[in-house]
Amino acid sequence: MKIQGNIVDIPNTRIFKGELTLENGKITSIKEKNHLVNHYILPGFIDAHIHIESSMLVPSEFAKLAVRHGTVATVSDPHEIANVLGIDGVNFMIENGKQVPFKFNFGAPSCVPATTFETAGAVIHSEGIKTLLKNSDVKYLAEMMNYPGVLCNDAEVMKKIAWAKHYNKPIDGHAPGLKGEAISKYINAGISTDHECFTFDEALEKLQKGMTILIREGSAAKNFDALINLLPIHYKNMMFCSDDKHPDDLLIHHINKLCARAVAKKIDLFKVLQVACINPVKHYNLDVGLLQEGDFADFIVVEDLTHFKTLQTFINGKLVFNNNQSLIKTVRFKNINNFNCNKKDVLDFKVKSDAKKIRVIEALEGQLITNQHLAKPLITNNNLVSNVKEDVLKIAVVCRYQNKKPAIAFIKNFGLKEGAIASSVAHDSHNIIAVGVSDEAICKAVNLLIENKGGICAITHTKVHIVPLPVAGIMSDKDGETIGKQYAQLDAIAKQLGSKLHAPYMTLSFMALLVIPSLKLSDNGLFDAHNFKFTPLEFN
């Protein structure tokens, strides 16, 4: 097979008219030819850190959407399903991904559970990490979120890191806000990347100390604007990633959008493409072609180098996207899950108190971090209730792995005026999380998810709306088009209920993520992520 176009040669920073010859999945020759072509050929895009599960799609369905946007590979941390199903969950992702022509590169989840302060569905100890890293399908040790464990030389944490070094596999980081001597010690442990920088200065310090920094632009956490001005100087040590990408967003764009935004800021094209296409392959030693003779034929044909609209996507020489149509076929698979709790009663969500002030989680638009806000509580019949007028709403986390009393707190900036929303996608243990204007609405939403053994839902005065997620309670067994549209409809309903957040369900899913400061809620209670300990709801 021969493909002609304007070839974008990133290593040599040149563009020339040429012809590729493909044989047996590889590029056997690249020749300059003076022909008339308007389109451009370049290496495929790579998402350098993503949790496929957050798209609510199994890997095979994720691939069908990703290739539309020129993505040929991902560096994928199966941390979410691992917290539900352990190593069996990781193996499910690997095997499902192998069924389609797309280059998933899965890591060994380093923190299952993410902390000891929550109830997860599984535990992966250092021996489990060893088992995973021995597998050639597992490319790296995934994000070491337990940075306190690294700093304190926790024996189990250090064993996991040691196994990664033993098998000569990279170690991903996760160190939001860490600086000074602490980040130096973290890096010296062998951790090479971070995707959690939310300020320019934080990222610059980590770059200067030898880390590779990822510019993250997901459905909830958006750090592009804060970090992009580092790229012109530090382009050799930066990558693009989504981290978490909801299905409605994936229908529209992926890494291609970050390239377009960077080029629009007048950043050198070749530096942008180095970050988007080359650096992940080099850093993780991926079997992904870089548009050189002898490479795997992993490349894309785009309309222009401004918007990067994809015309064709090739993986291992196979055309997988053409003429606005994904050519990846649907794969059959068996659903796996771990859901074991009984339905709740409205009384389970009541909180007796006569407090004068309470601690309130303040959700922030476009961020995973939160603030602590102090508020005067609204008390009715000795029960702390949602204060809709002040936008201080009750939030609950319900353990889905065993029968326990719900953990209750309050949250600001969700803006609901009616009903409740809930999700069994709740990082990282994926218990049920719900926020609403009344105990009754919250209870109804929680029970709807228990009945369906997972999903996301919205409750109004008169109707219930749910997108079931029967695969581990976090992924759909439907195709990407269907789930993307269903999710978009549910997102719109949440906004009709009053939410002003760009991605209310994505933001909700991170309110139980204890490793991100400052105030979060686990199934065991309100958690101070700065000091890594539980804290009372009542403030004295």
Protein backbone atom coordinates (compact mmCIF):
# COMPACT_ATOMS: atom_id res chain seq x y z
CA MET A 1 0.00 0.00 0.00
CA LYS A 2 1.20 3.51 -0.83
CA ILE A 3 0.01 6.74 0.86
CA GLN A 4 0.83 10.19 -0.47
CA GLY A 5 0.70 13.53 1.33
CA ASN A 6 2.63 16.33 2.93
CA ILE A 7 4.77 14.39 5.39
CA VAL A 8 5.43 16.03 8.75
CA ASP A 9 8.92 14.96 9.84
CA ILE A 10 9.00 15.97 13.50
CA PRO A 11 12.57 14.92 14.40
CA ASN A 12 14.00 16.91 11.48
CA THR A 13 11.46 19.76 11.77
CA ARG A 14 10.49 19.71 8.12
CA ILE A 15 7.45 19.12 5.94
CA PHE A 16 7.82 17.64 2.47
CA LYS A 17 5.68 16.09 -0.25
CA GLY A 18 6.20 12.37 -0.09
CA GLU A 19 4.95 8.82 -0.35
CA LEU A 20 4.83 6.09 2.29
CA THR A 21 5.05 2.43 1.37
CA LEU A 22 3.39 0.05 3.85
CA GLU A 23 4.04 -3.68 4.11
CA ASN A 24 3.10 -6.10 6.88
CA GLY A 25 2.05 -3.35 9.25
CA LYS A 26 5.25 -1.30 8.91
CA ILE A 27 6.58 1.62 6.88
CA THR A 28 9.11 0.12 4.49
CA SER A 29 10.01 3.33 2.67
CA ILE A 30 9.47 7.09 2.72
CA LYS A 31 10.25 8.86 -0.54
CA GLU A 32 10.03 12.51 -1.50
CA LYS A 33 7.70 12.99 -4.48
CA ASN A 34 6.56 16.21 -6.04
CA HIS A 35 2.83 15.57 -6.32
CA LEU A 36 -0.23 17.73 -5.71
CA VAL A 37 -1.67 17.07 -2.24
CA ASN A 38 -3.36 19.27 0.33
CA HIS A 39 -3.53 16.95 3.33
CA TYR A 40 -0.82 16.17 5.88
CA ILE A 41 0.59 12.91 7.25
CA LEU A 42 1.93 12.85 10.80
CA PRO A 43 2.45 10.37 13.64
CA GLY A 44 -0.70 9.52 15.60
CA PHE A 45 -1.59 11.29 18.81
CA ILE A 46 -1.04 9.63 22.19
CA ASP A 47 -2.89 10.33 25.42
CA ALA A 48 -0.02 10.03 27.88
CA HIS A 49 -2.18 9.40 30.94
CA ILE A 50 -5.81 8.35 30.97
CA HIS A 51 -8.17 6.17 32.93
CA ILE A 52 -10.20 4.54 30.15
CA GLU A 53 -12.91 3.70 32.68
CA SER A 54 -13.74 7.38 33.12
CA SER A 55 -15.05 7.46 29.56
CA MET A 56 -17.65 4.97 30.86
CA LEU A 57 -16.63 2.79 27.92
CA VAL A 58 -14.78 -0.50 27.83
CA PRO A 59 -11.45 -0.22 25.95
CA SER A 60 -12.78 -1.63 22.67
CA GLU A 61 -15.53 1.01 22.56
CA PHE A 62 -13.16 3.79 23.66
CA ALA A 63 -10.92 2.94 20.71
CA LYS A 64 -13.78 3.36 18.23
CA LEU A 65 -14.18 6.98 19.30
CA ALA A 66 -10.53 7.86 19.90
CA VAL A 67 -9.37 6.99 16.36
CA ARG A 68 -11.81 9.60 15.00
CA HIS A 69 -9.57 12.25 16.49
CA GLY A 70 -6.25 10.78 15.37
CA THR A 71 -5.41 9.03 18.64
CA VAL A 72 -3.56 5.76 18.00
CA ALA A 73 -2.44 4.89 21.51
CA THR A 74 -2.97 5.60 25.18
CA VAL A 75 -0.93 5.21 28.35
CA SER A 76 -3.76 3.81 30.44
CA ASP A 77 -3.93 3.37 34.18
CA PRO A 78 -6.64 0.74 34.97
CA HIS A 79 -6.70 2.01 38.55
CA GLU A 80 -10.48 2.50 38.59
CA ILE A 81 -11.51 -1.05 37.77
CA ALA A 82 -8.67 -2.37 39.93
CA ASN A 83 -10.23 -0.67 42.96
CA VAL A 84 -13.43 -2.56 42.22
CA LEU A 85 -12.14 -5.96 41.06
CA GLY A 86 -8.38 -6.06 41.65
CA ILE A 87 -6.08 -7.88 39.22
CA ASP A 88 -9.09 -9.52 37.55
CA GLY A 89 -10.25 -6.07 36.56
CA VAL A 90 -6.84 -5.17 35.10
CA ASN A 91 -6.85 -8.38 33.08
CA PHE A 92 -10.34 -7.61 31.78
CA MET A 93 -9.10 -4.26 30.43
CA ILE A 94 -6.01 -5.79 28.81
CA GLU A 95 -7.92 -8.61 27.14
CA ASN A 96 -10.78 -6.42 25.93
CA GLY A 97 -8.28 -3.91 24.51
CA LYS A 98 -6.45 -6.65 22.63
CA GLN A 99 -9.59 -7.40 20.61
CA VAL A 100 -9.31 -4.20 18.57
CA PRO A 101 -6.59 -2.54 16.44
CA PHE A 102 -5.61 0.15 18.93
CA LYS A 103 -2.51 0.49 21.11
CA PHE A 104 -3.55 0.50 24.75
CA ASN A 105 -0.58 0.52 27.09
CA PHE A 106 -1.75 -0.46 30.54
CA GLY A 107 0.10 0.10 33.79
CA ALA A 108 0.12 -1.73 37.12
CA PRO A 109 -2.10 0.29 39.50
CA SER A 110 0.17 1.23 42.39
CA CYS A 111 -2.44 2.34 44.92
CA VAL A 112 -5.31 -0.11 45.34
CA PRO A 113 -6.94 1.08 47.47
CA ALA A 114 -5.79 4.65 47.03
CA THR A 115 -5.76 5.14 50.81
CA THR A 116 -6.56 3.16 53.94
CA PHE A 117 -9.25 5.71 54.80
CA GLU A 118 -11.92 4.29 52.47
CA THR A 119 -13.51 0.98 51.57
CA ALA A 120 -12.51 -0.40 48.18
CA GLY A 121 -13.50 -3.61 46.45
CA ALA A 122 -9.99 -5.02 46.25
CA VAL A 123 -6.39 -4.72 47.40
CA ILE A 124 -3.27 -5.11 45.27
CA HIS A 125 -0.19 -5.65 47.43
CA SER A 126 3.42 -5.53 46.25
CA GLU A 127 3.31 -9.22 45.25
CA GLY A 128 0.35 -8.43 43.00
CA ILE A 129 2.32 -5.54 41.51
CA LYS A 130 5.18 -7.96 40.84
CA THR A 131 2.79 -10.33 39.06
CA LEU A 132 1.46 -7.52 36.88
CA LEU A 133 4.85 -6.02 36.03
CA LYS A 134 6.16 -9.43 34.92
CA ASN A 135 3.49 -9.32 32.21
CA SER A 136 4.83 -7.81 28.97
CA ASP A 137 1.39 -6.24 28.41
CA VAL A 138 1.94 -4.06 31.49
CA LYS A 139 4.24 -1.21 30.53
CA TYR A 140 4.81 0.81 33.72
CA LEU A 141 3.97 1.31 37.40
CA ALA A 142 0.96 3.60 37.35
CA GLU A 143 0.64 6.82 39.31
CA MET A 144 2.06 6.61 42.82
CA MET A 145 -0.68 8.57 44.55
CA ASN A 146 0.50 7.58 48.00
CA TYR A 147 3.14 10.29 48.12
CA PRO A 148 3.06 10.34 51.94
CA GLY A 149 4.06 6.67 51.78
CA VAL A 150 7.01 7.55 49.53
CA LEU A 151 8.10 10.39 51.78
CA CYS A 152 7.85 8.19 54.88
CA ASN A 153 9.57 5.20 53.22
CA ASP A 154 6.55 2.96 53.74
CA ALA A 155 7.80 -0.59 53.25
CA GLU A 156 4.98 -1.75 50.98
CA VAL A 157 5.14 1.37 48.82
CA MET A 158 8.90 1.04 48.41
CA LYS A 159 8.54 -2.64 47.44
CA LYS A 160 6.19 -1.66 44.61
CA ILE A 161 8.67 0.92 43.37
CA ALA A 162 11.49 -1.59 43.66
CA TRP A 163 9.63 -4.09 41.47
CA ALA A 164 9.20 -1.45 38.77
CA LYS A 165 12.92 -0.77 38.85
CA HIS A 166 13.62 -4.51 38.79
CA TYR A 167 11.64 -4.90 35.57
CA ASN A 168 13.05 -1.64 34.18
CA LYS A 169 9.63 -0.04 33.79
CA PRO A 170 8.87 3.68 34.28
CA ILE A 171 7.12 4.91 37.42
CA ASP A 172 4.35 7.47 37.11
CA GLY A 173 3.79 10.14 39.71
CA HIS A 174 0.91 11.95 41.35
CA ALA A 175 2.06 14.73 43.68
CA PRO A 176 -0.31 17.71 43.67
CA GLY A 177 1.21 20.74 45.37
CA LEU A 178 4.35 18.93 46.49
CA LYS A 179 7.44 21.17 46.46
CA GLY A 180 10.85 21.79 48.01
CA GLU A 181 12.59 18.92 49.76
CA ALA A 182 9.44 16.80 49.63
CA ILE A 183 9.23 16.74 45.83
CA SER A 184 13.00 16.15 45.62
CA LYS A 185 12.67 13.04 47.78
CA TYR A 186 9.68 11.88 45.75
CA ILE A 187 11.63 12.23 42.50
CA ASN A 188 14.73 10.57 43.95
CA ALA A 189 12.62 7.50 44.72
CA GLY A 190 12.54 6.96 40.95
CA ILE A 191 9.26 8.62 40.05
CA SER A 192 9.51 10.31 36.68
CA THR A 193 6.23 12.06 35.78
CA ASP A 194 3.48 14.20 37.23
CA HIS A 195 0.10 15.11 35.73
CA GLU A 196 -1.27 16.88 38.82
CA CYS A 197 0.40 20.30 38.54
CA PHE A 198 -2.15 23.08 38.78
CA THR A 199 0.19 26.09 38.82
CA PHE A 200 2.99 27.27 36.53
CA ASP A 201 5.51 27.53 39.38
CA GLU A 202 4.77 24.03 40.65
CA ALA A 203 5.29 22.52 37.22
CA LEU A 204 8.44 24.58 36.61
CA GLU A 205 10.07 23.39 39.83
CA LYS A 206 9.32 19.77 38.98
CA LEU A 207 10.67 20.22 35.44
CA GLN A 208 13.84 21.81 36.77
CA LYS A 209 14.29 18.84 39.09
CA GLY A 210 14.07 16.38 36.21
CA MET A 211 10.43 15.34 36.04
CA THR A 212 8.40 14.99 32.87
CA ILE A 213 5.28 17.12 33.25
CA LEU A 214 1.95 16.33 31.63
CA ILE A 215 -0.42 19.07 30.54
CA ARG A 216 -3.81 17.71 31.54
CA GLU A 217 -7.08 18.78 29.97
CA GLY A 218 -9.84 16.41 30.98
CA SER A 219 -13.56 16.76 31.45
CA ALA A 220 -13.14 18.10 35.00
CA ALA A 221 -9.48 18.97 35.63
CA LYS A 222 -8.18 21.53 33.17
CA ASN A 223 -4.57 22.71 33.48
CA PHE A 224 -3.80 23.66 29.88
CA ASP A 225 -4.00 27.42 30.44
CA ALA A 226 -1.89 27.26 33.60
CA LEU A 227 0.92 25.18 32.08
CA ILE A 228 1.01 25.71 28.31
CA ASN A 229 3.51 28.58 28.44
CA LEU A 230 6.10 26.11 29.75
CA LEU A 231 5.98 24.14 26.51
CA PRO A 232 8.13 26.36 24.23
CA ILE A 233 11.18 25.87 26.47
CA HIS A 234 10.45 22.49 28.07
CA TYR A 235 8.85 20.69 25.11
CA LYS A 236 11.30 17.78 25.31
CA ASN A 237 10.03 16.94 28.81
CA MET A 238 6.29 17.47 28.50
CA MET A 239 3.32 15.41 27.28
CA PHE A 240 -0.42 15.91 26.77
CA CYS A 241 -3.04 13.90 28.64
CA SER A 242 -6.73 13.76 29.52
CA ASP A 243 -6.55 11.82 32.79
CA ASP A 244 -10.35 11.53 32.77
CA LYS A 245 -12.50 12.01 29.67
CA HIS A 246 -16.26 11.66 29.73
CA PRO A 247 -17.96 10.11 26.70
CA ASP A 248 -19.75 13.23 25.46
CA ASP A 249 -16.41 15.06 25.25
CA LEU A 250 -14.75 12.09 23.54
CA LEU A 251 -17.38 12.22 20.82
CA ILE A 252 -16.12 15.72 19.95
CA HIS A 253 -12.35 15.82 20.48
CA HIS A 254 -9.29 14.35 22.18
CA ILE A 255 -5.55 15.20 22.08
CA ASN A 256 -6.10 16.88 18.69
CA LYS A 257 -7.86 19.75 20.44
CA LEU A 258 -4.85 20.42 22.68
CA CYS A 259 -2.64 20.59 19.60
CA ALA A 260 -5.01 23.05 17.94
CA ARG A 261 -5.13 25.23 21.05
CA ALA A 262 -1.34 25.22 21.39
CA VAL A 263 -0.79 26.14 17.73
CA ALA A 264 -3.38 28.89 18.06
CA LYS A 265 -1.17 30.38 20.79
CA LYS A 266 1.61 30.64 18.16
CA ILE A 267 3.68 27.85 19.73
CA ASP A 268 5.99 26.18 17.25
CA LEU A 269 4.19 23.34 15.45
CA PHE A 270 7.05 20.85 15.77
CA LYS A 271 7.35 21.44 19.51
CA VAL A 272 3.62 20.85 19.94
CA LEU A 273 3.77 17.62 17.94
CA GLN A 274 6.87 16.48 19.85
CA VAL A 275 4.75 16.68 23.01
CA ALA A 276 1.65 15.08 21.45
CA CYS A 277 3.21 12.29 19.39
CA ILE A 278 6.86 11.61 20.21
CA ASN A 279 7.56 12.04 23.92
CA PRO A 280 5.14 9.37 25.23
CA VAL A 281 6.67 6.77 22.91
CA LYS A 282 10.18 7.60 24.08
CA HIS A 283 9.32 7.87 27.77
CA TYR A 284 7.35 4.63 28.05
CA ASN A 285 9.20 2.64 25.35
CA LEU A 286 5.96 2.07 23.47
CA ASP A 287 5.60 -0.08 20.38
CA VAL A 288 4.14 2.84 18.47
CA GLY A 289 5.51 4.13 15.19
CA LEU A 290 6.90 7.65 14.76
CA LEU A 291 6.63 7.94 10.97
CA GLN A 292 10.12 6.69 10.24
CA GLU A 293 11.25 3.90 7.90
CA GLY A 294 11.01 0.55 9.67
CA ASP A 295 8.46 1.84 12.21
CA PHE A 296 5.02 0.42 12.82
CA ALA A 297 2.64 2.14 10.41
CA ASP A 298 0.84 4.17 13.08
CA PHE A 299 0.00 7.53 11.55
CA ILE A 300 -2.82 9.89 10.68
CA VAL A 301 -3.87 11.99 7.72
CA VAL A 302 -5.19 15.41 8.73
CA GLU A 303 -6.85 18.19 6.79
CA ASP A 304 -4.52 20.93 8.04
CA LEU A 305 -2.00 21.74 10.76
CA THR A 306 -4.24 24.28 12.44
CA HIS A 307 -7.33 22.36 13.51
CA PHE A 308 -5.95 18.82 13.01
CA LYS A 309 -9.23 17.45 11.71
CA THR A 310 -8.54 13.77 11.11
CA LEU A 311 -9.31 12.32 7.69
CA GLN A 312 -7.77 8.89 8.17
CA THR A 313 -6.15 6.92 11.02
CA PHE A 314 -3.81 3.97 10.44
CA ILE A 315 -2.65 1.55 13.15
CA ASN A 316 -0.14 -1.16 12.22
CA GLY A 317 -0.87 -0.28 8.60
CA LYS A 318 -4.60 -0.96 9.02
CA LEU A 319 -7.07 1.78 8.15
CA VAL A 320 -9.19 2.16 11.30
CA PHE A 321 -10.87 5.50 10.57
CA ASN A 322 -11.89 6.84 7.17
CA ASN A 323 -14.41 9.25 5.73
CA ASN A 324 -15.85 10.20 9.15
CA GLN A 325 -16.39 6.55 10.03
CA SER A 326 -14.65 4.39 12.61
CA LEU A 327 -13.83 1.00 11.10
CA ILE A 328 -13.23 -0.72 14.45
CA LYS A 329 -15.83 -3.41 15.04
CA THR A 330 -17.88 -4.01 18.18
CA VAL A 331 -16.50 -6.71 20.49
CA ARG A 332 -18.60 -9.08 22.58
CA PHE A 333 -17.66 -9.44 26.24
CA LYS A 334 -19.06 -10.64 29.56
CA ASN A 335 -19.94 -8.03 32.19
CA ILE A 336 -18.06 -8.23 35.48
CA ASN A 337 -19.07 -6.39 38.66
CA ASN A 338 -18.73 -6.13 42.44
CA PHE A 339 -21.83 -4.65 44.09
CA ASN A 340 -22.95 -5.89 47.50
CA CYS A 341 -25.12 -3.53 49.55
CA ASN A 342 -28.76 -3.20 50.51
CA LYS A 343 -31.05 -0.28 49.71
CA LYS A 344 -31.06 2.61 52.18
CA ASP A 345 -33.74 4.37 54.22
CA VAL A 346 -34.25 8.14 54.34
CA LEU A 347 -33.37 8.07 58.05
CA ASP A 348 -29.88 6.85 57.10
CA PHE A 349 -29.13 10.29 55.64
CA LYS A 350 -30.15 12.34 58.66
CA VAL A 351 -27.49 14.06 60.80
CA LYS A 352 -28.43 15.15 64.31
CA SER A 353 -26.64 18.32 65.33
CA ASP A 354 -26.94 21.69 67.01
CA ALA A 355 -23.65 22.96 65.54
CA LYS A 356 -23.10 26.69 65.09
CA LYS A 357 -20.74 26.16 62.12
CA ILE A 358 -19.91 23.26 59.83
CA ARG A 359 -17.07 22.46 57.45
CA VAL A 360 -18.22 22.56 53.83
CA ILE A 361 -16.43 21.16 50.77
CA GLU A 362 -16.09 23.93 48.19
CA ALA A 363 -16.00 22.40 44.71
CA LEU A 364 -13.96 24.39 42.17
CA GLU A 365 -14.73 24.62 38.48
CA GLY A 366 -12.17 22.80 36.34
CA GLN A 367 -10.19 21.50 39.31
CA LEU A 368 -9.93 18.33 41.35
CA ILE A 369 -8.77 20.27 44.38
CA THR A 370 -11.33 21.73 46.75
CA ASN A 371 -11.36 24.39 49.45
CA GLN A 372 -12.70 24.19 52.98
CA HIS A 373 -15.57 26.62 53.53
CA LEU A 374 -17.17 27.35 56.89
CA ALA A 375 -20.92 27.89 56.95
CA LYS A 376 -23.79 28.33 59.35
CA PRO A 377 -25.85 25.13 59.10
CA LEU A 378 -29.53 24.90 58.34
CA ILE A 379 -31.12 22.73 61.02
CA THR A 380 -34.66 21.36 60.81
CA ASN A 381 -35.98 19.10 63.59
CA ASN A 382 -32.44 18.68 64.90
CA ASN A 383 -31.34 17.43 61.44
CA LEU A 384 -28.71 19.15 59.32
CA VAL A 385 -30.36 19.69 55.91
CA SER A 386 -29.43 21.17 52.55
CA ASN A 387 -29.55 24.96 52.39
CA VAL A 388 -30.61 25.50 48.77
CA LYS A 389 -30.70 29.29 49.14
CA GLU A 390 -27.05 29.43 50.21
CA ASP A 391 -26.02 26.55 47.89
CA VAL A 392 -24.78 24.40 50.78
CA LEU A 393 -26.11 20.96 49.87
CA LYS A 394 -25.94 17.62 51.61
CA ILE A 395 -23.55 15.12 50.03
CA ALA A 396 -23.36 11.43 50.85
CA VAL A 397 -20.98 8.56 50.14
CA VAL A 398 -22.49 5.08 50.44
CA CYS A 399 -20.28 1.99 50.54
CA ARG A 400 -21.28 -0.41 47.77
CA TYR A 401 -19.14 -3.34 48.89
CA GLN A 402 -20.80 -3.93 52.27
CA ASN A 403 -23.71 -2.65 54.33
CA LYS A 404 -22.66 0.47 56.23
CA LYS A 405 -24.26 3.71 57.33
CA PRO A 406 -23.74 6.47 54.71
CA ALA A 407 -21.11 9.13 55.36
CA ILE A 408 -22.59 12.63 55.24
CA ALA A 409 -21.09 16.07 54.64
CA PHE A 410 -22.00 19.30 52.86
CA ILE A 411 -20.78 20.84 49.61
CA LYS A 412 -20.89 24.22 47.91
CA ASN A 413 -21.06 25.20 44.21
CA PHE A 414 -23.19 22.35 42.87
CA GLY A 415 -26.09 24.78 42.67
CA LEU A 416 -28.96 22.28 42.57
CA LYS A 417 -32.39 23.83 43.14
CA GLU A 418 -34.31 20.57 42.84
CA GLY A 419 -33.80 16.82 43.23
CA ALA A 420 -30.47 15.02 43.40
CA ILE A 421 -27.74 13.53 41.24
CA ALA A 422 -25.72 10.42 42.06
CA SER A 423 -22.98 8.23 40.62
CA SER A 424 -21.21 4.94 41.30
CA VAL A 425 -18.22 6.47 39.50
CA ALA A 426 -16.52 7.98 42.55
CA HIS A 427 -12.74 8.01 42.54
CA ASP A 428 -11.01 5.99 43.58
CA SER A 429 -12.95 3.29 45.39
CA HIS A 430 -16.12 3.85 43.36
CA ASN A 431 -18.62 3.82 46.14
CA ILE A 432 -21.90 5.63 45.52
CA ILE A 433 -21.75 9.42 45.81
CA ALA A 434 -24.81 11.67 45.76
CA VAL A 435 -25.69 15.33 46.27
CA GLY A 436 -29.17 16.76 46.55
CA VAL A 437 -31.61 19.28 47.97
CA SER A 438 -33.28 16.85 50.40
CA ASP A 439 -32.64 13.60 52.23
CA GLU A 440 -35.54 12.03 50.34
CA ALA A 441 -34.09 12.92 46.92
CA ILE A 442 -30.61 11.71 47.88
CA CYS A 443 -31.99 8.42 49.20
CA LYS A 444 -34.04 7.87 46.06
CA ALA A 445 -31.00 8.49 43.83
CA VAL A 446 -28.78 6.16 45.88
CA ASN A 447 -31.34 3.35 45.81
CA LEU A 448 -31.78 3.69 42.06
CA LEU A 449 -28.05 2.99 41.62
CA ILE A 450 -28.15 0.07 44.06
CA GLU A 451 -31.07 -1.45 42.11
CA ASN A 452 -29.08 -1.18 38.87
CA LYS A 453 -25.75 -2.22 40.43
CA GLY A 454 -24.12 0.95 39.16
CA GLY A 455 -24.72 3.98 37.01
CA ILE A 456 -25.21 7.72 37.04
CA CYS A 457 -28.61 9.26 37.65
CA ALA A 458 -30.67 12.39 38.22
CA ILE A 459 -33.85 12.66 40.28
CA THR A 460 -36.44 15.40 39.76
CA HIS A 461 -39.77 15.94 41.52
CA THR A 462 -41.53 13.76 38.98
CA LYS A 463 -38.97 11.70 37.07
CA VAL A 464 -35.91 9.50 37.41
CA HIS A 465 -33.18 9.38 34.77
CA ILE A 466 -30.37 6.81 34.78
CA VAL A 467 -27.49 5.64 32.61
CA PRO A 468 -26.75 2.09 33.86
CA LEU A 469 -23.08 1.10 34.18
CA PRO A 470 -23.13 -2.68 34.58
CA VAL A 471 -19.40 -3.24 33.92
CA ALA A 472 -17.82 -2.94 37.39
CA GLY A 473 -20.41 -0.26 38.16
CA ILE A 474 -18.27 2.24 36.26
CA MET A 475 -18.56 1.36 32.54
CA SER A 476 -21.35 0.77 30.08
CA ASP A 477 -21.80 -2.31 27.92
CA LYS A 478 -23.15 -0.10 25.13
CA ASP A 479 -21.36 1.57 22.21
CA GLY A 480 -19.70 4.95 22.52
CA GLU A 481 -22.27 6.84 20.45
CA THR A 482 -25.11 5.61 22.65
CA ILE A 483 -23.43 6.21 25.98
CA GLY A 484 -22.04 9.57 24.85
CA LYS A 485 -25.49 10.84 23.92
CA GLN A 486 -27.11 9.39 27.06
CA TYR A 487 -24.47 10.98 29.24
CA ALA A 488 -24.91 14.35 27.49
CA GLN A 489 -28.65 14.17 28.14
CA LEU A 490 -28.10 13.40 31.82
CA ASP A 491 -25.55 16.19 32.07
CA ALA A 492 -28.15 18.58 30.62
CA ILE A 493 -30.71 17.41 33.19
CA ALA A 494 -28.28 18.12 36.04
CA LYS A 495 -27.90 21.63 34.69
CA GLN A 496 -31.67 22.00 34.41
CA LEU A 497 -31.79 21.14 38.12
CA GLY A 498 -29.59 24.18 38.68
CA SER A 499 -25.95 23.08 38.45
CA LYS A 500 -23.66 25.69 36.90
CA LEU A 501 -20.66 23.35 36.74
CA HIS A 502 -19.28 22.52 33.29
CA ALA A 503 -19.18 18.80 34.13
CA PRO A 504 -21.26 18.19 37.27
CA TYR A 505 -20.97 14.39 37.21
CA MET A 506 -17.24 14.45 36.62
CA THR A 507 -16.79 16.97 39.43
CA LEU A 508 -19.00 14.88 41.71
CA SER A 509 -16.91 11.78 40.99
CA PHE A 510 -13.81 13.46 42.43
CA MET A 511 -15.36 14.63 45.69
CA ALA A 512 -14.40 11.28 47.25
CA LEU A 513 -10.80 11.38 45.98
CA LEU A 514 -8.91 11.66 49.25
CA VAL A 515 -5.43 12.10 47.77
CA ILE A 516 -6.34 15.50 46.29
CA PRO A 517 -6.58 18.43 48.77
CA SER A 518 -8.15 19.83 50.63
CA LEU A 519 -11.50 18.55 51.91
CA LYS A 520 -13.13 15.35 50.59
CA LEU A 521 -15.63 12.71 51.74
CA SER A 522 -15.03 8.95 51.92
CA ASP A 523 -17.48 6.27 52.99
CA ASN A 524 -15.84 6.55 56.41
CA GLY A 525 -16.24 10.30 56.87
CA LEU A 526 -15.05 13.82 56.07
CA PHE A 527 -11.34 13.86 55.24
CA ASP A 528 -8.66 16.54 55.53
CA ALA A 529 -6.36 15.73 52.59
CA HIS A 530 -3.74 18.29 53.65
CA ASN A 531 -3.12 16.54 56.96
CA PHE A 532 -4.23 13.10 55.75
CA LYS A 533 -6.72 12.47 58.54
CA PHE A 534 -10.44 12.58 59.22
CA THR A 535 -11.93 15.83 60.43
CA PRO A 536 -15.26 16.57 62.13
CA LEU A 537 -18.18 17.99 60.17
CA GLU A 538 -18.90 20.35 63.06
CA PHE A 539 -16.49 23.27 63.48
CA ASN A 540 -15.95 24.55 67.01
